[in-house]
Amino acid sequence: MPAATNFQLKADAKAREWLDLHPAAGLRVVAYDVHRCCGGGKICQVKVRAQSGKDDPHEFATGALEDGTRFLIDRRAAARLPSRFGLTVRGIGRLKHLDLDLDADQWGTLLYD
């Protein structure tokens, strides 16, 4: 089955408040990064960040909240994400950040498949 290219995102109340307090000049990106550690293991990281000048929107899948707020989604993550997923806020204090709201099986598929 081909990966979805247009995702439906749902922000919970904490995520909506965070988005309102942290407006972005451009789109936000669901970034996916894979590192190999010295023992050959694979470490996958996912974060939601602001779009940078290096990001070519044509190289990303797209997603949107109910209100039309658009997101770019790394195609490697898009191949592993459900077509509908949530956003929430995690962390405390200055470490609070926007994050994906997935169940355990969805996180497993995204990070370990």
N, C-alpha and C. Protein backbone atom coordinates (compact mmCIF):
# COMPACT_ATOMS: atom_id res chain seq x y z
N MET A 1 0.84 -1.17 0.00
CA MET A 1 0.00 0.00 0.00
C MET A 1 0.89 1.24 0.00
N PRO A 2 0.65 2.21 -0.89
CA PRO A 2 1.48 3.42 -0.91
C PRO A 2 1.24 4.28 0.32
N ALA A 3 2.27 5.01 0.70
CA ALA A 3 2.17 5.90 1.87
C ALA A 3 1.20 7.04 1.58
N ALA A 4 0.51 7.48 2.62
CA ALA A 4 -0.39 8.62 2.49
C ALA A 4 0.43 9.88 2.22
N THR A 5 -0.13 10.80 1.46
CA THR A 5 0.57 12.05 1.20
C THR A 5 -0.15 13.24 1.82
N ASN A 6 -1.41 13.10 2.13
CA ASN A 6 -2.18 14.17 2.77
C ASN A 6 -2.72 13.65 4.09
N PHE A 7 -2.13 14.11 5.17
CA PHE A 7 -2.46 13.63 6.50
C PHE A 7 -3.44 14.57 7.19
N GLN A 8 -4.27 14.00 8.05
CA GLN A 8 -5.18 14.78 8.87
C GLN A 8 -4.63 14.77 10.29
N LEU A 9 -4.30 15.95 10.81
CA LEU A 9 -3.75 16.08 12.15
C LEU A 9 -4.81 16.66 13.08
N LYS A 10 -4.73 16.26 14.34
CA LYS A 10 -5.66 16.78 15.33
C LYS A 10 -4.84 17.24 16.53
N ALA A 11 -4.96 18.52 16.87
CA ALA A 11 -4.24 19.09 18.00
C ALA A 11 -5.12 19.03 19.24
N ASP A 12 -4.57 18.47 20.33
CA ASP A 12 -5.32 18.50 21.58
C ASP A 12 -5.25 19.92 22.15
N ALA A 13 -5.90 20.14 23.29
CA ALA A 13 -5.97 21.49 23.86
C ALA A 13 -4.59 22.05 24.18
N LYS A 14 -3.69 21.22 24.72
CA LYS A 14 -2.34 21.69 25.04
C LYS A 14 -1.59 22.07 23.77
N ALA A 15 -1.75 21.29 22.71
CA ALA A 15 -1.07 21.60 21.45
C ALA A 15 -1.62 22.87 20.83
N ARG A 16 -2.93 23.05 20.87
CA ARG A 16 -3.55 24.25 20.32
C ARG A 16 -3.04 25.49 21.05
N GLU A 17 -2.96 25.41 22.39
CA GLU A 17 -2.45 26.53 23.17
C GLU A 17 -0.99 26.81 22.82
N TRP A 18 -0.19 25.76 22.69
CA TRP A 18 1.22 25.91 22.35
C TRP A 18 1.38 26.57 20.97
N LEU A 19 0.59 26.12 20.00
CA LEU A 19 0.65 26.70 18.66
C LEU A 19 0.26 28.18 18.69
N ASP A 20 -0.73 28.52 19.48
CA ASP A 20 -1.15 29.92 19.58
C ASP A 20 -0.05 30.79 20.21
N LEU A 21 0.67 30.23 21.19
CA LEU A 21 1.74 30.98 21.87
C LEU A 21 3.05 31.02 21.09
N HIS A 22 3.21 30.13 20.11
CA HIS A 22 4.45 30.04 19.34
C HIS A 22 4.15 30.09 17.84
N PRO A 23 3.72 31.26 17.34
CA PRO A 23 3.42 31.34 15.91
C PRO A 23 4.68 31.12 15.08
N ALA A 24 4.52 30.47 13.95
CA ALA A 24 5.65 30.19 13.06
C ALA A 24 5.57 31.08 11.83
N ALA A 25 6.74 31.51 11.36
CA ALA A 25 6.79 32.34 10.16
C ALA A 25 6.42 31.52 8.92
N GLY A 26 6.82 30.26 8.92
CA GLY A 26 6.52 29.36 7.80
C GLY A 26 5.73 28.17 8.31
N LEU A 27 5.84 27.09 7.60
CA LEU A 27 5.16 25.87 8.01
C LEU A 27 5.96 25.16 9.10
N ARG A 28 5.34 24.25 9.77
CA ARG A 28 6.04 23.39 10.72
C ARG A 28 6.33 22.07 10.01
N VAL A 29 7.40 21.41 10.44
CA VAL A 29 7.86 20.19 9.80
C VAL A 29 7.90 19.05 10.81
N VAL A 30 7.33 17.92 10.44
CA VAL A 30 7.52 16.69 11.21
C VAL A 30 8.79 16.08 10.63
N ALA A 31 9.90 16.30 11.34
CA ALA A 31 11.22 15.88 10.86
C ALA A 31 11.55 14.49 11.37
N TYR A 32 12.19 13.70 10.54
CA TYR A 32 12.55 12.33 10.86
C TYR A 32 14.04 12.20 10.60
N ASP A 33 14.77 11.73 11.58
CA ASP A 33 16.22 11.63 11.43
C ASP A 33 16.67 10.26 11.90
N VAL A 34 17.57 9.65 11.14
CA VAL A 34 18.11 8.34 11.47
C VAL A 34 19.61 8.47 11.63
N HIS A 35 20.12 8.01 12.77
CA HIS A 35 21.57 8.01 13.04
C HIS A 35 22.00 6.57 13.26
N ARG A 36 23.20 6.28 12.87
CA ARG A 36 23.81 4.99 13.21
C ARG A 36 24.79 5.24 14.34
N CYS A 37 24.69 4.46 15.39
CA CYS A 37 25.63 4.63 16.49
C CYS A 37 26.86 3.75 16.24
N CYS A 38 27.86 3.90 17.07
CA CYS A 38 29.14 3.24 16.85
C CYS A 38 29.02 1.72 16.81
N GLY A 39 28.04 1.15 17.47
CA GLY A 39 27.86 -0.30 17.45
C GLY A 39 27.03 -0.78 16.27
N GLY A 40 26.64 0.13 15.38
CA GLY A 40 25.86 -0.24 14.21
C GLY A 40 24.36 -0.15 14.42
N GLY A 41 23.95 0.18 15.64
CA GLY A 41 22.52 0.30 15.91
C GLY A 41 21.92 1.52 15.24
N LYS A 42 20.63 1.47 15.04
CA LYS A 42 19.92 2.57 14.38
C LYS A 42 19.14 3.35 15.42
N ILE A 43 19.31 4.66 15.44
CA ILE A 43 18.58 5.53 16.36
C ILE A 43 17.72 6.46 15.51
N CYS A 44 16.41 6.37 15.69
CA CYS A 44 15.48 7.22 14.94
C CYS A 44 14.93 8.29 15.88
N GLN A 45 14.83 9.50 15.36
CA GLN A 45 14.28 10.60 16.13
C GLN A 45 13.23 11.32 15.30
N VAL A 46 12.18 11.72 15.96
CA VAL A 46 11.12 12.48 15.31
C VAL A 46 10.90 13.74 16.14
N LYS A 47 10.83 14.88 15.47
CA LYS A 47 10.51 16.10 16.18
C LYS A 47 9.71 17.02 15.26
N VAL A 48 8.94 17.88 15.88
CA VAL A 48 8.18 18.88 15.14
C VAL A 48 8.96 20.18 15.31
N ARG A 49 9.32 20.79 14.18
CA ARG A 49 10.15 22.00 14.21
C ARG A 49 9.65 22.97 13.16
N ALA A 50 10.19 24.17 13.21
CA ALA A 50 9.87 25.18 12.20
C ALA A 50 10.56 24.83 10.89
N GLN A 51 9.96 25.22 9.81
CA GLN A 51 10.54 25.01 8.49
C GLN A 51 11.81 25.83 8.36
N SER A 52 12.85 25.23 7.79
CA SER A 52 14.10 25.96 7.57
C SER A 52 14.25 26.27 6.08
N GLY A 53 15.22 27.11 5.78
CA GLY A 53 15.48 27.47 4.39
C GLY A 53 15.95 26.29 3.55
N LYS A 54 16.47 25.26 4.19
CA LYS A 54 16.95 24.07 3.48
C LYS A 54 15.83 23.11 3.10
N ASP A 55 14.65 23.30 3.68
CA ASP A 55 13.53 22.39 3.43
C ASP A 55 12.85 22.73 2.11
N ASP A 56 12.87 21.77 1.18
CA ASP A 56 12.15 21.91 -0.08
C ASP A 56 10.76 21.31 0.11
N PRO A 57 9.71 22.13 0.12
CA PRO A 57 8.37 21.61 0.37
C PRO A 57 7.95 20.48 -0.57
N HIS A 58 8.53 20.41 -1.75
CA HIS A 58 8.19 19.37 -2.71
C HIS A 58 8.71 18.00 -2.30
N GLU A 59 9.63 17.96 -1.34
CA GLU A 59 10.20 16.70 -0.88
C GLU A 59 9.47 16.14 0.34
N PHE A 60 8.37 16.77 0.73
CA PHE A 60 7.63 16.37 1.91
C PHE A 60 6.21 15.98 1.56
N ALA A 61 5.63 15.12 2.38
CA ALA A 61 4.19 14.90 2.35
C ALA A 61 3.57 16.08 3.10
N THR A 62 2.28 16.24 3.01
CA THR A 62 1.62 17.35 3.69
C THR A 62 0.56 16.84 4.65
N GLY A 63 0.27 17.66 5.63
CA GLY A 63 -0.78 17.38 6.59
C GLY A 63 -1.40 18.69 7.02
N ALA A 64 -2.58 18.61 7.58
CA ALA A 64 -3.25 19.83 8.02
C ALA A 64 -4.13 19.54 9.23
N LEU A 65 -4.23 20.56 10.08
CA LEU A 65 -5.17 20.53 11.19
C LEU A 65 -6.56 20.88 10.66
N GLU A 66 -7.57 20.70 11.52
CA GLU A 66 -8.94 21.02 11.13
C GLU A 66 -9.10 22.47 10.70
N ASP A 67 -8.30 23.37 11.31
CA ASP A 67 -8.41 24.80 10.99
C ASP A 67 -7.63 25.20 9.75
N GLY A 68 -6.99 24.23 9.10
CA GLY A 68 -6.25 24.51 7.87
C GLY A 68 -4.76 24.74 8.07
N THR A 69 -4.28 24.78 9.31
CA THR A 69 -2.85 24.93 9.57
C THR A 69 -2.11 23.77 8.94
N ARG A 70 -1.17 24.09 8.04
CA ARG A 70 -0.48 23.06 7.28
C ARG A 70 0.85 22.66 7.91
N PHE A 71 1.22 21.40 7.70
CA PHE A 71 2.48 20.84 8.16
C PHE A 71 3.13 20.11 7.01
N LEU A 72 4.46 20.10 7.00
CA LEU A 72 5.22 19.26 6.09
C LEU A 72 5.66 18.03 6.88
N ILE A 73 5.63 16.87 6.23
CA ILE A 73 5.97 15.62 6.92
C ILE A 73 7.04 14.90 6.11
N ASP A 74 8.17 14.62 6.75
CA ASP A 74 9.26 13.90 6.11
C ASP A 74 8.69 12.62 5.49
N ARG A 75 9.04 12.34 4.25
CA ARG A 75 8.47 11.19 3.55
C ARG A 75 8.83 9.86 4.20
N ARG A 76 9.98 9.77 4.87
CA ARG A 76 10.34 8.53 5.56
C ARG A 76 9.38 8.29 6.72
N ALA A 77 9.00 9.35 7.42
CA ALA A 77 8.02 9.23 8.49
C ALA A 77 6.63 8.99 7.90
N ALA A 78 6.32 9.66 6.81
CA ALA A 78 5.01 9.53 6.18
C ALA A 78 4.72 8.09 5.78
N ALA A 79 5.76 7.36 5.39
CA ALA A 79 5.58 5.97 4.99
C ALA A 79 5.19 5.09 6.18
N ARG A 80 5.41 5.58 7.40
CA ARG A 80 5.17 4.78 8.60
C ARG A 80 4.07 5.32 9.50
N LEU A 81 3.58 6.50 9.21
CA LEU A 81 2.55 7.12 10.05
C LEU A 81 1.15 6.76 9.58
N PRO A 82 0.20 6.70 10.52
CA PRO A 82 -1.20 6.56 10.10
C PRO A 82 -1.65 7.83 9.40
N SER A 83 -2.66 7.74 8.56
CA SER A 83 -3.11 8.92 7.81
C SER A 83 -3.74 9.98 8.71
N ARG A 84 -4.13 9.59 9.92
CA ARG A 84 -4.65 10.53 10.92
C ARG A 84 -3.87 10.34 12.20
N PHE A 85 -3.33 11.42 12.72
CA PHE A 85 -2.63 11.34 14.00
C PHE A 85 -2.74 12.66 14.73
N GLY A 86 -2.44 12.63 16.02
CA GLY A 86 -2.61 13.80 16.85
C GLY A 86 -1.31 14.51 17.17
N LEU A 87 -1.46 15.71 17.69
CA LEU A 87 -0.35 16.50 18.20
C LEU A 87 -0.65 16.83 19.65
N THR A 88 0.38 16.84 20.47
CA THR A 88 0.27 17.19 21.87
C THR A 88 1.52 17.93 22.30
N VAL A 89 1.59 18.31 23.54
CA VAL A 89 2.78 18.97 24.09
C VAL A 89 3.39 18.05 25.13
N ARG A 90 4.70 17.91 25.08
CA ARG A 90 5.43 17.11 26.07
C ARG A 90 6.55 17.96 26.65
N GLY A 91 7.06 17.53 27.78
CA GLY A 91 8.16 18.23 28.43
C GLY A 91 7.66 19.19 29.49
N ILE A 92 8.64 19.78 30.21
CA ILE A 92 8.30 20.75 31.25
C ILE A 92 9.16 21.99 31.08
N GLY A 93 8.64 23.10 31.57
CA GLY A 93 9.40 24.36 31.52
C GLY A 93 9.86 24.70 30.11
N ARG A 94 11.14 25.07 30.03
CA ARG A 94 11.70 25.46 28.72
C ARG A 94 11.81 24.28 27.77
N LEU A 95 11.66 23.06 28.27
CA LEU A 95 11.77 21.88 27.43
C LEU A 95 10.43 21.46 26.82
N LYS A 96 9.37 22.24 27.05
CA LYS A 96 8.09 21.93 26.43
C LYS A 96 8.22 22.05 24.92
N HIS A 97 7.63 21.08 24.23
CA HIS A 97 7.70 21.09 22.78
C HIS A 97 6.48 20.38 22.19
N LEU A 98 6.20 20.70 20.97
CA LEU A 98 5.12 20.06 20.23
C LEU A 98 5.59 18.68 19.82
N ASP A 99 4.74 17.67 19.97
CA ASP A 99 5.13 16.30 19.68
C ASP A 99 3.95 15.55 19.07
N LEU A 100 4.24 14.42 18.48
CA LEU A 100 3.19 13.58 17.93
C LEU A 100 2.49 12.86 19.06
N ASP A 101 1.21 12.63 18.89
CA ASP A 101 0.40 11.89 19.86
C ASP A 101 0.00 10.57 19.20
N LEU A 102 0.81 9.54 19.44
CA LEU A 102 0.60 8.23 18.83
C LEU A 102 0.46 7.18 19.93
N ASP A 103 -0.21 6.07 19.61
CA ASP A 103 -0.25 4.99 20.60
C ASP A 103 1.04 4.18 20.49
N ALA A 104 1.25 3.25 21.40
CA ALA A 104 2.51 2.51 21.48
C ALA A 104 2.84 1.77 20.18
N ASP A 105 1.85 1.13 19.58
CA ASP A 105 2.10 0.40 18.33
C ASP A 105 2.50 1.35 17.20
N GLN A 106 1.87 2.52 17.14
CA GLN A 106 2.21 3.50 16.11
C GLN A 106 3.62 4.03 16.31
N TRP A 107 4.01 4.30 17.57
CA TRP A 107 5.39 4.72 17.83
C TRP A 107 6.37 3.63 17.42
N GLY A 108 6.04 2.38 17.73
CA GLY A 108 6.90 1.26 17.36
C GLY A 108 7.11 1.17 15.87
N THR A 109 6.03 1.30 15.12
CA THR A 109 6.11 1.26 13.66
C THR A 109 6.96 2.42 13.14
N LEU A 110 6.74 3.60 13.69
CA LEU A 110 7.47 4.79 13.22
C LEU A 110 8.97 4.70 13.50
N LEU A 111 9.33 4.25 14.69
CA LEU A 111 10.72 4.28 15.09
C LEU A 111 11.51 2.99 14.83
N TYR A 112 10.83 1.85 14.77
CA TYR A 112 11.57 0.59 14.74
C TYR A 112 11.34 -0.30 13.54
N ASP A 113 10.34 -0.03 12.72
CA ASP A 113 10.11 -0.87 11.53
C ASP A 113 11.07 -0.53 10.41
